[in-house]
Amino acid sequence: MVAHLTSGSHGLGELVQLDRHAFAAKIRLSRAVLGWSQSELGRRIGLTQRAIHKLEQGETQPRRSTVRALEEIWYDHDIKFENLAAGGFRVSVPPSALDRPEGALRRPRRRRNIHN
């Protein structure tokens, strides 16, 4: 799988924004591969669902500790990102990351309290 976000000839501010959006794409992509909700990813790295949403939209610059936590998850699941010289990135996803037990993509159902 190859994902490209190209930088072309941009100013420093635009490059920082493109880098943030590339990182956001990596988060969305890896979360989709793992079958995790934003809440699940947030729980695993100590962030709220809203914070994950903002990262995935490229609205906020991630803290170093957040980057390290995400990179650790990618390492643990053997998801590898390679930054390309022309911009963008390439991702390698092993079959083991895609082999989830039946129903692993489904969220647990919440019980509703029904009052008469």
Protein backbone atom coordinates (compact mmCIF):
# COMPACT_ATOMS: atom_id res chain seq x y z
CA MET A 1 0.00 0.00 0.00
CA VAL A 2 1.41 3.42 -0.91
CA ALA A 3 0.07 6.79 0.23
CA HIS A 4 1.40 10.00 -1.26
CA LEU A 5 1.20 13.50 0.12
CA THR A 6 3.55 15.65 -1.89
CA SER A 7 5.14 18.86 -0.75
CA GLY A 8 6.31 20.43 -4.02
CA SER A 9 7.68 23.95 -3.49
CA HIS A 10 6.08 25.28 -0.31
CA GLY A 11 7.12 27.66 2.44
CA LEU A 12 8.18 26.43 5.87
CA GLY A 13 4.72 26.97 7.38
CA GLU A 14 3.10 24.98 4.59
CA LEU A 15 5.67 22.19 5.00
CA VAL A 16 4.93 21.95 8.72
CA GLN A 17 1.22 21.75 7.93
CA LEU A 18 1.82 19.08 5.26
CA ASP A 19 3.91 17.10 7.75
CA ARG A 20 1.11 17.35 10.31
CA HIS A 21 -1.41 16.13 7.72
CA ALA A 22 0.85 13.24 6.73
CA PHE A 23 1.11 12.24 10.38
CA ALA A 24 -2.68 12.53 10.69
CA ALA A 25 -3.06 10.19 7.70
CA LYS A 26 -0.72 7.69 9.37
CA ILE A 27 -2.86 7.72 12.50
CA ARG A 28 -6.11 7.22 10.55
CA LEU A 29 -4.58 4.50 8.40
CA SER A 30 -3.08 2.52 11.27
CA ARG A 31 -6.25 2.84 13.34
CA ALA A 32 -8.26 1.48 10.40
CA VAL A 33 -5.83 -1.42 9.95
CA LEU A 34 -6.07 -2.28 13.63
CA GLY A 35 -9.84 -1.89 13.68
CA TRP A 36 -9.75 0.52 16.60
CA SER A 37 -12.09 3.40 17.27
CA GLN A 38 -10.72 6.81 18.15
CA SER A 39 -11.75 6.10 21.74
CA GLU A 40 -9.87 2.79 21.77
CA LEU A 41 -6.69 4.35 20.41
CA GLY A 42 -7.01 7.21 22.88
CA ARG A 43 -7.44 4.79 25.77
CA ARG A 44 -4.31 2.92 24.75
CA ILE A 45 -2.12 6.04 24.60
CA GLY A 46 -3.74 8.16 27.30
CA LEU A 47 -5.68 10.66 25.18
CA THR A 48 -9.35 11.46 24.79
CA GLN A 49 -11.36 10.60 21.71
CA ARG A 50 -11.55 14.33 20.96
CA ALA A 51 -7.75 14.64 21.09
CA ILE A 52 -7.40 11.73 18.65
CA HIS A 53 -9.98 13.37 16.36
CA LYS A 54 -8.01 16.64 16.36
CA LEU A 55 -4.77 14.78 15.58
CA GLU A 56 -6.46 12.91 12.73
CA GLN A 57 -7.76 16.17 11.28
CA GLY A 58 -4.30 17.75 11.45
CA GLU A 59 -5.68 20.44 13.78
CA THR A 60 -3.02 20.04 16.45
CA GLN A 61 0.69 19.36 16.57
CA PRO A 62 1.26 16.13 18.51
CA ARG A 63 3.43 16.15 21.61
CA ARG A 64 6.64 14.11 21.52
CA SER A 65 5.18 11.71 24.08
CA THR A 66 2.14 11.16 21.83
CA VAL A 67 4.35 10.54 18.79
CA ARG A 68 6.41 8.03 20.80
CA ALA A 69 3.28 6.26 22.06
CA LEU A 70 1.90 5.97 18.52
CA GLU A 71 5.25 4.78 17.16
CA GLU A 72 5.34 2.12 19.88
CA ILE A 73 1.91 0.84 18.81
CA TRP A 74 3.06 0.78 15.19
CA TYR A 75 6.21 -1.10 16.23
CA ASP A 76 4.25 -3.59 18.35
CA HIS A 77 1.96 -4.36 15.39
CA ASP A 78 4.80 -4.30 12.82
CA ILE A 79 3.22 -1.39 10.88
CA LYS A 80 6.06 0.41 9.12
CA PHE A 81 5.99 3.85 7.55
CA GLU A 82 8.70 4.99 5.14
CA ASN A 83 8.91 8.70 4.36
CA LEU A 84 9.51 9.24 0.65
CA ALA A 85 12.06 11.72 -0.66
CA ALA A 86 9.50 13.40 -2.92
CA GLY A 87 7.07 13.74 -0.02
CA GLY A 88 4.42 11.43 1.32
CA PHE A 89 5.01 8.01 2.74
CA ARG A 90 4.79 4.31 2.06
CA VAL A 91 3.25 1.89 4.57
CA SER A 92 3.94 -1.78 5.10
CA VAL A 93 1.26 -3.79 6.88
CA PRO A 94 1.98 -7.44 7.69
CA PRO A 95 -0.80 -9.99 7.24
CA SER A 96 -0.69 -10.63 11.01
CA ALA A 97 -1.96 -7.08 11.64
CA LEU A 98 -5.00 -7.88 9.49
CA ASP A 99 -5.70 -11.27 11.09
CA ARG A 100 -8.16 -10.39 13.81
CA PRO A 101 -10.59 -12.71 15.50
CA GLU A 102 -14.17 -12.72 14.23
CA GLY A 103 -15.97 -9.57 15.38
CA ALA A 104 -12.81 -7.68 16.38
CA LEU A 105 -13.95 -4.69 14.32
CA ARG A 106 -17.25 -4.45 16.10
CA ARG A 107 -17.72 -2.27 19.14
CA PRO A 108 -19.17 -3.90 22.21
CA ARG A 109 -22.86 -3.19 22.45
CA ARG A 110 -24.00 -0.96 25.26
CA ARG A 111 -26.91 -2.08 27.34
CA ARG A 112 -29.72 0.39 27.48
CA ASN A 113 -31.71 0.93 30.60
CA ILE A 114 -35.31 0.95 29.53
CA HIS A 115 -37.68 2.48 32.03
CA ASN A 116 -41.44 2.11 31.71
